[in-house]
Amino acid sequence: MSDVELHFEFNADAGASKTFPQQAGTIRKNGYIVIKNRPCKVVEVSTSKTGKHGHAKCHFVGIDVFTGKKLEDIVPSSHNCDVPHVSRTDYQLIDISEDGFVSLLTESGTTKDDLRLPTDENLVAQIKDGFAEGKDLVVSVMSAMGEEQINSLKDIGKN
């Protein structure tokens, strides 16, 4: 036969899309939308009247869920917009390495070591201070469109 070795790459996802379509007119404040290829939380929606070309327009103002930057977009209300699949997962903090990576404990008992400390200085200070004091900390990790970031912290008491 053949002496060729075949190597297959396995991904954890089942080929699911990072976004789903939703009609612009149905997206509301506090929902999510993709603006300029970034997942955003909608902070303001305004709808204009139909013009002479027949489309009402939706003006979206969103805050990027990872960078905090304000982004805006105007879309005809009858058109579809991409909406990101956003999920939030809690992990227990095990360790903080010197290079800014955190070690987290998953529900299944394995460790997750591929996340950096967040960019928010206040949150970083809270995480480092709490960890230094020996508190049991649970961090909330938001994931959307292939990106993950720690976005909040809970103290579950001393061990």
N, C-alpha and C. Protein backbone atom coordinates (compact mmCIF):
# COMPACT_ATOMS: atom_id res chain seq x y z
N MET A 1 0.82 -1.19 0.00
CA MET A 1 0.00 0.00 0.00
C MET A 1 0.86 1.25 0.00
N SER A 2 0.48 2.26 0.78
CA SER A 2 1.17 3.54 0.77
C SER A 2 1.79 3.81 2.13
N ASP A 3 2.98 4.44 2.12
CA ASP A 3 3.65 4.79 3.36
C ASP A 3 3.41 6.25 3.75
N VAL A 4 2.40 6.86 3.16
CA VAL A 4 2.10 8.26 3.42
C VAL A 4 1.32 8.38 4.73
N GLU A 5 1.83 9.26 5.61
CA GLU A 5 1.11 9.51 6.86
C GLU A 5 0.16 10.68 6.66
N LEU A 6 -1.06 10.50 7.08
CA LEU A 6 -2.04 11.57 6.97
C LEU A 6 -2.21 12.24 8.33
N HIS A 7 -2.20 13.55 8.33
CA HIS A 7 -2.41 14.31 9.55
C HIS A 7 -3.69 15.12 9.40
N PHE A 8 -4.57 14.97 10.38
CA PHE A 8 -5.82 15.71 10.36
C PHE A 8 -5.81 16.73 11.48
N GLU A 9 -6.34 17.91 11.19
CA GLU A 9 -6.44 18.94 12.20
C GLU A 9 -7.85 18.92 12.78
N PHE A 10 -7.93 18.90 14.10
CA PHE A 10 -9.23 18.86 14.75
C PHE A 10 -9.51 20.20 15.42
N ASN A 11 -10.69 20.73 15.20
CA ASN A 11 -11.11 21.95 15.87
C ASN A 11 -12.21 21.61 16.86
N ALA A 12 -12.29 22.38 17.93
CA ALA A 12 -13.31 22.13 18.95
C ALA A 12 -14.70 22.53 18.46
N ASP A 13 -14.76 23.55 17.59
CA ASP A 13 -16.10 23.97 17.15
C ASP A 13 -16.59 23.08 16.00
N ALA A 14 -17.87 23.05 15.83
CA ALA A 14 -18.47 22.18 14.81
C ALA A 14 -18.71 22.97 13.52
N GLY A 15 -17.88 23.96 13.28
CA GLY A 15 -18.04 24.77 12.08
C GLY A 15 -19.15 25.79 12.21
N ALA A 16 -19.57 26.06 13.44
CA ALA A 16 -20.66 26.99 13.67
C ALA A 16 -20.19 28.41 13.34
N SER A 17 -21.11 29.20 12.86
CA SER A 17 -20.79 30.57 12.51
C SER A 17 -20.57 31.40 13.77
N LYS A 18 -19.74 32.43 13.66
CA LYS A 18 -19.49 33.32 14.79
C LYS A 18 -20.58 34.37 14.93
N THR A 19 -21.42 34.50 13.89
CA THR A 19 -22.51 35.48 13.91
C THR A 19 -23.77 34.85 13.34
N PHE A 20 -24.90 35.53 13.54
CA PHE A 20 -26.14 35.11 12.89
C PHE A 20 -26.84 36.36 12.37
N PRO A 21 -27.63 36.24 11.30
CA PRO A 21 -28.30 37.42 10.74
C PRO A 21 -29.56 37.76 11.53
N GLN A 22 -29.81 39.05 11.67
CA GLN A 22 -31.04 39.52 12.32
C GLN A 22 -31.44 40.82 11.63
N GLN A 23 -32.72 40.98 11.41
CA GLN A 23 -33.20 42.18 10.73
C GLN A 23 -32.89 43.41 11.59
N ALA A 24 -32.33 44.45 10.93
CA ALA A 24 -31.87 45.65 11.64
C ALA A 24 -32.97 46.29 12.48
N GLY A 25 -34.20 46.29 11.99
CA GLY A 25 -35.30 46.90 12.70
C GLY A 25 -35.68 46.20 13.99
N THR A 26 -35.20 44.95 14.19
CA THR A 26 -35.56 44.20 15.40
C THR A 26 -34.47 44.24 16.47
N ILE A 27 -33.33 44.86 16.16
CA ILE A 27 -32.23 44.94 17.13
C ILE A 27 -32.51 46.09 18.08
N ARG A 28 -32.42 45.82 19.37
CA ARG A 28 -32.78 46.81 20.39
C ARG A 28 -31.57 47.21 21.23
N LYS A 29 -31.76 48.24 22.04
CA LYS A 29 -30.74 48.68 22.98
C LYS A 29 -30.39 47.53 23.93
N ASN A 30 -29.13 47.42 24.31
CA ASN A 30 -28.59 46.35 25.17
C ASN A 30 -28.45 45.02 24.46
N GLY A 31 -28.78 44.98 23.16
CA GLY A 31 -28.52 43.78 22.38
C GLY A 31 -27.09 43.84 21.84
N TYR A 32 -26.76 42.94 20.93
CA TYR A 32 -25.42 42.92 20.34
C TYR A 32 -25.54 43.06 18.83
N ILE A 33 -24.49 43.63 18.22
CA ILE A 33 -24.44 43.80 16.78
C ILE A 33 -22.97 43.84 16.36
N VAL A 34 -22.70 43.45 15.12
CA VAL A 34 -21.34 43.55 14.59
C VAL A 34 -21.23 44.87 13.81
N ILE A 35 -20.33 45.74 14.24
CA ILE A 35 -20.07 47.00 13.54
C ILE A 35 -18.58 47.01 13.17
N LYS A 36 -18.30 47.17 11.89
CA LYS A 36 -16.91 47.18 11.39
C LYS A 36 -16.15 45.94 11.85
N ASN A 37 -16.77 44.79 11.73
CA ASN A 37 -16.19 43.48 12.10
C ASN A 37 -15.81 43.37 13.57
N ARG A 38 -16.45 44.13 14.45
CA ARG A 38 -16.20 44.06 15.88
C ARG A 38 -17.52 43.78 16.61
N PRO A 39 -17.53 42.87 17.59
CA PRO A 39 -18.76 42.63 18.37
C PRO A 39 -19.01 43.81 19.30
N CYS A 40 -20.22 44.36 19.24
CA CYS A 40 -20.56 45.55 20.03
C CYS A 40 -21.85 45.35 20.79
N LYS A 41 -21.92 45.99 21.96
CA LYS A 41 -23.18 46.05 22.71
C LYS A 41 -23.86 47.34 22.29
N VAL A 42 -25.13 47.24 21.91
CA VAL A 42 -25.87 48.41 21.42
C VAL A 42 -26.24 49.30 22.60
N VAL A 43 -25.82 50.60 22.53
CA VAL A 43 -26.16 51.54 23.60
C VAL A 43 -27.20 52.55 23.15
N GLU A 44 -27.39 52.67 21.83
CA GLU A 44 -28.37 53.63 21.33
C GLU A 44 -28.85 53.18 19.95
N VAL A 45 -30.17 53.23 19.75
CA VAL A 45 -30.76 52.92 18.45
C VAL A 45 -31.74 54.03 18.11
N SER A 46 -31.62 54.58 16.90
CA SER A 46 -32.64 55.53 16.46
C SER A 46 -33.04 55.15 15.05
N THR A 47 -34.32 55.27 14.76
CA THR A 47 -34.85 54.89 13.45
C THR A 47 -35.39 56.14 12.75
N SER A 48 -34.95 56.33 11.50
CA SER A 48 -35.44 57.48 10.73
C SER A 48 -36.66 57.06 9.93
N LYS A 49 -37.40 58.03 9.49
CA LYS A 49 -38.59 57.75 8.66
C LYS A 49 -38.16 57.30 7.27
N THR A 50 -39.09 56.68 6.57
CA THR A 50 -38.79 56.26 5.20
C THR A 50 -38.57 57.50 4.34
N GLY A 51 -37.52 57.45 3.54
CA GLY A 51 -37.19 58.58 2.68
C GLY A 51 -37.79 58.39 1.30
N LYS A 52 -37.32 59.18 0.34
CA LYS A 52 -37.90 59.08 -1.00
C LYS A 52 -37.50 57.78 -1.70
N HIS A 53 -36.47 57.10 -1.17
CA HIS A 53 -36.10 55.81 -1.75
C HIS A 53 -36.72 54.63 -1.02
N GLY A 54 -37.55 54.91 -0.04
CA GLY A 54 -38.40 53.87 0.54
C GLY A 54 -37.87 53.06 1.69
N HIS A 55 -36.68 53.34 2.22
CA HIS A 55 -36.19 52.54 3.35
C HIS A 55 -36.06 53.40 4.60
N ALA A 56 -36.62 52.89 5.71
CA ALA A 56 -36.35 53.51 7.01
C ALA A 56 -34.93 53.07 7.38
N LYS A 57 -34.19 53.95 8.05
CA LYS A 57 -32.82 53.62 8.41
C LYS A 57 -32.69 53.52 9.93
N CYS A 58 -31.87 52.57 10.36
CA CYS A 58 -31.56 52.42 11.79
C CYS A 58 -30.14 52.92 12.02
N HIS A 59 -30.00 53.80 12.98
CA HIS A 59 -28.68 54.31 13.36
C HIS A 59 -28.29 53.64 14.67
N PHE A 60 -27.22 52.83 14.63
CA PHE A 60 -26.77 52.10 15.82
C PHE A 60 -25.51 52.74 16.38
N VAL A 61 -25.48 52.89 17.69
CA VAL A 61 -24.27 53.28 18.39
C VAL A 61 -23.95 52.10 19.31
N GLY A 62 -22.74 51.55 19.17
CA GLY A 62 -22.37 50.39 19.96
C GLY A 62 -21.01 50.59 20.61
N ILE A 63 -20.79 49.87 21.71
CA ILE A 63 -19.51 49.87 22.40
C ILE A 63 -18.89 48.50 22.19
N ASP A 64 -17.66 48.48 21.62
CA ASP A 64 -16.95 47.22 21.40
C ASP A 64 -16.83 46.48 22.73
N VAL A 65 -17.25 45.22 22.77
CA VAL A 65 -17.29 44.48 24.03
C VAL A 65 -15.89 44.17 24.57
N PHE A 66 -14.86 44.24 23.73
CA PHE A 66 -13.51 43.94 24.20
C PHE A 66 -12.64 45.18 24.39
N THR A 67 -12.77 46.18 23.51
CA THR A 67 -11.89 47.36 23.61
C THR A 67 -12.58 48.55 24.27
N GLY A 68 -13.92 48.55 24.31
CA GLY A 68 -14.65 49.67 24.89
C GLY A 68 -14.79 50.87 23.96
N LYS A 69 -14.35 50.73 22.70
CA LYS A 69 -14.44 51.83 21.74
C LYS A 69 -15.87 51.98 21.25
N LYS A 70 -16.25 53.24 20.97
CA LYS A 70 -17.59 53.55 20.48
C LYS A 70 -17.58 53.45 18.95
N LEU A 71 -18.51 52.67 18.39
CA LEU A 71 -18.62 52.51 16.95
C LEU A 71 -20.05 52.82 16.52
N GLU A 72 -20.21 53.35 15.30
CA GLU A 72 -21.54 53.69 14.80
C GLU A 72 -21.76 53.08 13.43
N ASP A 73 -23.03 52.79 13.11
CA ASP A 73 -23.38 52.25 11.80
C ASP A 73 -24.82 52.67 11.47
N ILE A 74 -25.09 52.86 10.19
CA ILE A 74 -26.44 53.16 9.71
C ILE A 74 -26.82 52.10 8.70
N VAL A 75 -27.96 51.41 8.94
CA VAL A 75 -28.39 50.29 8.11
C VAL A 75 -29.87 50.45 7.80
N PRO A 76 -30.29 50.15 6.56
CA PRO A 76 -31.74 50.14 6.28
C PRO A 76 -32.43 49.13 7.21
N SER A 77 -33.57 49.52 7.77
CA SER A 77 -34.21 48.68 8.80
C SER A 77 -34.68 47.33 8.27
N SER A 78 -34.88 47.22 6.96
CA SER A 78 -35.34 45.94 6.41
C SER A 78 -34.18 45.00 6.09
N HIS A 79 -32.95 45.48 6.15
CA HIS A 79 -31.78 44.65 5.85
C HIS A 79 -31.34 43.85 7.07
N ASN A 80 -30.60 42.77 6.81
CA ASN A 80 -30.09 41.96 7.90
C ASN A 80 -28.74 42.48 8.38
N CYS A 81 -28.53 42.43 9.69
CA CYS A 81 -27.24 42.77 10.30
C CYS A 81 -26.68 41.49 10.91
N ASP A 82 -25.36 41.45 11.03
CA ASP A 82 -24.74 40.33 11.74
C ASP A 82 -24.83 40.59 13.24
N VAL A 83 -25.22 39.56 13.97
CA VAL A 83 -25.28 39.63 15.42
C VAL A 83 -24.34 38.56 15.95
N PRO A 84 -23.38 38.93 16.81
CA PRO A 84 -22.41 37.93 17.29
C PRO A 84 -23.02 36.99 18.32
N HIS A 85 -22.54 35.75 18.34
CA HIS A 85 -22.89 34.83 19.42
C HIS A 85 -21.98 35.21 20.59
N VAL A 86 -22.57 35.75 21.65
CA VAL A 86 -21.79 36.19 22.81
C VAL A 86 -22.09 35.25 23.96
N SER A 87 -21.04 34.74 24.60
CA SER A 87 -21.26 33.88 25.76
C SER A 87 -20.37 34.32 26.90
N ARG A 88 -20.83 34.04 28.10
CA ARG A 88 -20.10 34.42 29.30
C ARG A 88 -19.92 33.14 30.12
N THR A 89 -18.68 32.89 30.55
CA THR A 89 -18.38 31.69 31.32
C THR A 89 -17.59 32.09 32.56
N ASP A 90 -17.90 31.47 33.69
CA ASP A 90 -17.15 31.73 34.93
C ASP A 90 -16.09 30.67 35.15
N TYR A 91 -14.90 31.11 35.54
CA TYR A 91 -13.79 30.21 35.85
C TYR A 91 -13.18 30.64 37.18
N GLN A 92 -12.65 29.67 37.93
CA GLN A 92 -11.94 30.01 39.16
C GLN A 92 -10.49 30.33 38.82
N LEU A 93 -9.98 31.41 39.40
CA LEU A 93 -8.60 31.84 39.16
C LEU A 93 -7.66 30.98 39.99
N ILE A 94 -6.66 30.37 39.33
CA ILE A 94 -5.69 29.53 40.03
C ILE A 94 -4.37 30.28 40.21
N ASP A 95 -3.91 30.93 39.14
CA ASP A 95 -2.59 31.54 39.18
C ASP A 95 -2.49 32.70 38.19
N ILE A 96 -1.59 33.63 38.46
CA ILE A 96 -1.26 34.71 37.53
C ILE A 96 0.23 34.60 37.26
N SER A 97 0.60 34.44 35.99
CA SER A 97 2.02 34.30 35.66
C SER A 97 2.67 35.67 35.51
N GLU A 98 4.00 35.69 35.49
CA GLU A 98 4.76 36.94 35.37
C GLU A 98 4.48 37.67 34.07
N ASP A 99 4.21 36.91 32.99
CA ASP A 99 4.03 37.53 31.66
C ASP A 99 2.59 37.97 31.40
N GLY A 100 1.74 37.98 32.44
CA GLY A 100 0.40 38.52 32.29
C GLY A 100 -0.67 37.51 31.90
N PHE A 101 -0.32 36.22 31.81
CA PHE A 101 -1.32 35.20 31.52
C PHE A 101 -1.91 34.68 32.82
N VAL A 102 -3.18 34.27 32.77
CA VAL A 102 -3.83 33.72 33.96
C VAL A 102 -4.08 32.23 33.75
N SER A 103 -4.08 31.51 34.84
CA SER A 103 -4.41 30.09 34.82
C SER A 103 -5.78 29.94 35.48
N LEU A 104 -6.73 29.38 34.74
CA LEU A 104 -8.10 29.28 35.22
C LEU A 104 -8.55 27.83 35.31
N LEU A 105 -9.41 27.53 36.27
CA LEU A 105 -9.95 26.19 36.44
C LEU A 105 -11.32 26.12 35.80
N THR A 106 -11.51 25.17 34.87
CA THR A 106 -12.80 25.02 34.20
C THR A 106 -13.72 24.14 35.05
N GLU A 107 -14.99 24.08 34.63
CA GLU A 107 -15.95 23.25 35.38
C GLU A 107 -15.59 21.77 35.34
N SER A 108 -14.93 21.35 34.24
CA SER A 108 -14.58 19.94 34.09
C SER A 108 -13.32 19.58 34.87
N GLY A 109 -12.68 20.58 35.51
CA GLY A 109 -11.50 20.30 36.33
C GLY A 109 -10.18 20.47 35.58
N THR A 110 -10.24 20.85 34.31
CA THR A 110 -9.01 21.09 33.56
C THR A 110 -8.62 22.56 33.70
N THR A 111 -7.40 22.89 33.27
CA THR A 111 -6.99 24.29 33.36
C THR A 111 -7.03 24.94 31.99
N LYS A 112 -7.26 26.23 32.01
CA LYS A 112 -7.29 27.06 30.79
C LYS A 112 -6.20 28.10 30.98
N ASP A 113 -5.16 28.04 30.14
CA ASP A 113 -3.98 28.89 30.35
C ASP A 113 -3.72 29.86 29.20
N ASP A 114 -4.70 30.09 28.32
CA ASP A 114 -4.44 30.88 27.12
C ASP A 114 -5.01 32.30 27.18
N LEU A 115 -5.40 32.76 28.37
CA LEU A 115 -5.98 34.10 28.50
C LEU A 115 -5.02 35.05 29.21
N ARG A 116 -4.96 36.28 28.70
CA ARG A 116 -4.17 37.33 29.35
C ARG A 116 -5.05 38.08 30.35
N LEU A 117 -4.39 38.84 31.23
CA LEU A 117 -5.13 39.74 32.10
C LEU A 117 -5.84 40.76 31.22
N PRO A 118 -6.99 41.30 31.66
CA PRO A 118 -7.72 42.26 30.83
C PRO A 118 -6.96 43.58 30.67
N THR A 119 -7.43 44.42 29.76
CA THR A 119 -6.77 45.72 29.52
C THR A 119 -7.25 46.79 30.50
N ASP A 120 -8.37 46.56 31.17
CA ASP A 120 -8.91 47.52 32.14
C ASP A 120 -8.03 47.53 33.40
N GLU A 121 -7.36 48.67 33.65
CA GLU A 121 -6.40 48.77 34.77
C GLU A 121 -7.05 48.51 36.13
N ASN A 122 -8.28 49.03 36.34
CA ASN A 122 -8.97 48.82 37.62
C ASN A 122 -9.23 47.34 37.87
N LEU A 123 -9.70 46.65 36.83
CA LEU A 123 -10.00 45.22 36.97
C LEU A 123 -8.71 44.42 37.23
N VAL A 124 -7.63 44.78 36.53
CA VAL A 124 -6.34 44.11 36.73
C VAL A 124 -5.89 44.29 38.18
N ALA A 125 -6.02 45.51 38.69
CA ALA A 125 -5.61 45.79 40.08
C ALA A 125 -6.45 44.97 41.06
N GLN A 126 -7.76 44.89 40.83
CA GLN A 126 -8.65 44.10 41.71
C GLN A 126 -8.26 42.63 41.68
N ILE A 127 -7.97 42.11 40.48
CA ILE A 127 -7.61 40.69 40.35
C ILE A 127 -6.29 40.42 41.07
N LYS A 128 -5.27 41.25 40.81
CA LYS A 128 -3.95 41.03 41.43
C LYS A 128 -4.00 41.19 42.94
N ASP A 129 -4.71 42.23 43.43
CA ASP A 129 -4.81 42.45 44.87
C ASP A 129 -5.53 41.30 45.57
N GLY A 130 -6.67 40.90 44.99
CA GLY A 130 -7.43 39.79 45.57
C GLY A 130 -6.64 38.49 45.56
N PHE A 131 -5.91 38.25 44.49
CA PHE A 131 -5.11 37.03 44.39
C PHE A 131 -3.98 37.06 45.42
N ALA A 132 -3.34 38.23 45.58
CA ALA A 132 -2.24 38.37 46.54
C ALA A 132 -2.72 38.16 47.98
N GLU A 133 -3.99 38.54 48.24
CA GLU A 133 -4.56 38.37 49.58
C GLU A 133 -5.03 36.93 49.83
N GLY A 134 -4.92 36.08 48.83
CA GLY A 134 -5.30 34.68 48.99
C GLY A 134 -6.79 34.42 48.89
N LYS A 135 -7.54 35.36 48.31
CA LYS A 135 -8.99 35.17 48.17
C LYS A 135 -9.27 34.17 47.05
N ASP A 136 -10.40 33.47 47.18
CA ASP A 136 -10.87 32.60 46.08
C ASP A 136 -11.63 33.48 45.11
N LEU A 137 -11.08 33.68 43.92
CA LEU A 137 -11.68 34.57 42.95
C LEU A 137 -12.26 33.80 41.77
N VAL A 138 -13.42 34.25 41.31
CA VAL A 138 -14.03 33.71 40.10
C VAL A 138 -14.08 34.84 39.08
N VAL A 139 -13.51 34.59 37.89
CA VAL A 139 -13.53 35.60 36.84
C VAL A 139 -14.56 35.21 35.79
N SER A 140 -15.20 36.20 35.24
CA SER A 140 -16.18 36.00 34.18
C SER A 140 -15.49 36.30 32.86
N VAL A 141 -15.53 35.34 31.93
CA VAL A 141 -14.86 35.49 30.64
C VAL A 141 -15.93 35.62 29.56
N MET A 142 -15.87 36.73 28.81
CA MET A 142 -16.81 36.94 27.70
C MET A 142 -16.12 36.47 26.42
N SER A 143 -16.86 35.72 25.60
CA SER A 143 -16.28 35.31 24.32
C SER A 143 -17.27 35.63 23.20
N ALA A 144 -16.71 36.14 22.09
CA ALA A 144 -17.51 36.49 20.92
C ALA A 144 -16.58 36.54 19.71
N MET A 145 -17.01 35.98 18.61
CA MET A 145 -16.29 36.05 17.34
C MET A 145 -14.83 35.59 17.46
N GLY A 146 -14.59 34.54 18.23
CA GLY A 146 -13.25 33.97 18.33
C GLY A 146 -12.34 34.68 19.31
N GLU A 147 -12.83 35.70 20.00
CA GLU A 147 -12.02 36.41 20.99
C GLU A 147 -12.57 36.13 22.38
N GLU A 148 -11.68 36.15 23.36
CA GLU A 148 -12.08 35.97 24.75
C GLU A 148 -11.38 37.00 25.61
N GLN A 149 -12.06 37.46 26.65
CA GLN A 149 -11.45 38.42 27.57
C GLN A 149 -12.14 38.36 28.92
N ILE A 150 -11.36 38.49 29.98
CA ILE A 150 -11.92 38.58 31.33
C ILE A 150 -12.62 39.93 31.45
N ASN A 151 -13.88 39.93 31.91
CA ASN A 151 -14.58 41.21 31.99
C ASN A 151 -15.18 41.51 33.36
N SER A 152 -15.15 40.56 34.29
CA SER A 152 -15.61 40.87 35.64
C SER A 152 -15.04 39.87 36.63
N LEU A 153 -15.23 40.18 37.91
CA LEU A 153 -14.58 39.43 38.98
C LEU A 153 -15.55 39.26 40.14
N LYS A 154 -15.53 38.07 40.76
CA LYS A 154 -16.34 37.82 41.96
C LYS A 154 -15.44 37.20 43.01
N ASP A 155 -15.63 37.60 44.25
CA ASP A 155 -14.91 37.00 45.37
C ASP A 155 -15.85 35.97 46.00
N ILE A 156 -15.41 34.71 46.04
CA ILE A 156 -16.29 33.67 46.61
C ILE A 156 -15.85 33.30 48.02
N GLY A 157 -15.08 34.19 48.67
CA GLY A 157 -14.71 33.97 50.06
C GLY A 157 -13.32 33.37 50.22
N LYS A 158 -12.87 33.33 51.45
CA LYS A 158 -11.55 32.76 51.77
C LYS A 158 -11.63 31.23 51.73
N ASN A 159 -10.45 30.60 51.48
CA ASN A 159 -10.46 29.13 51.45
C ASN A 159 -10.51 28.58 52.83
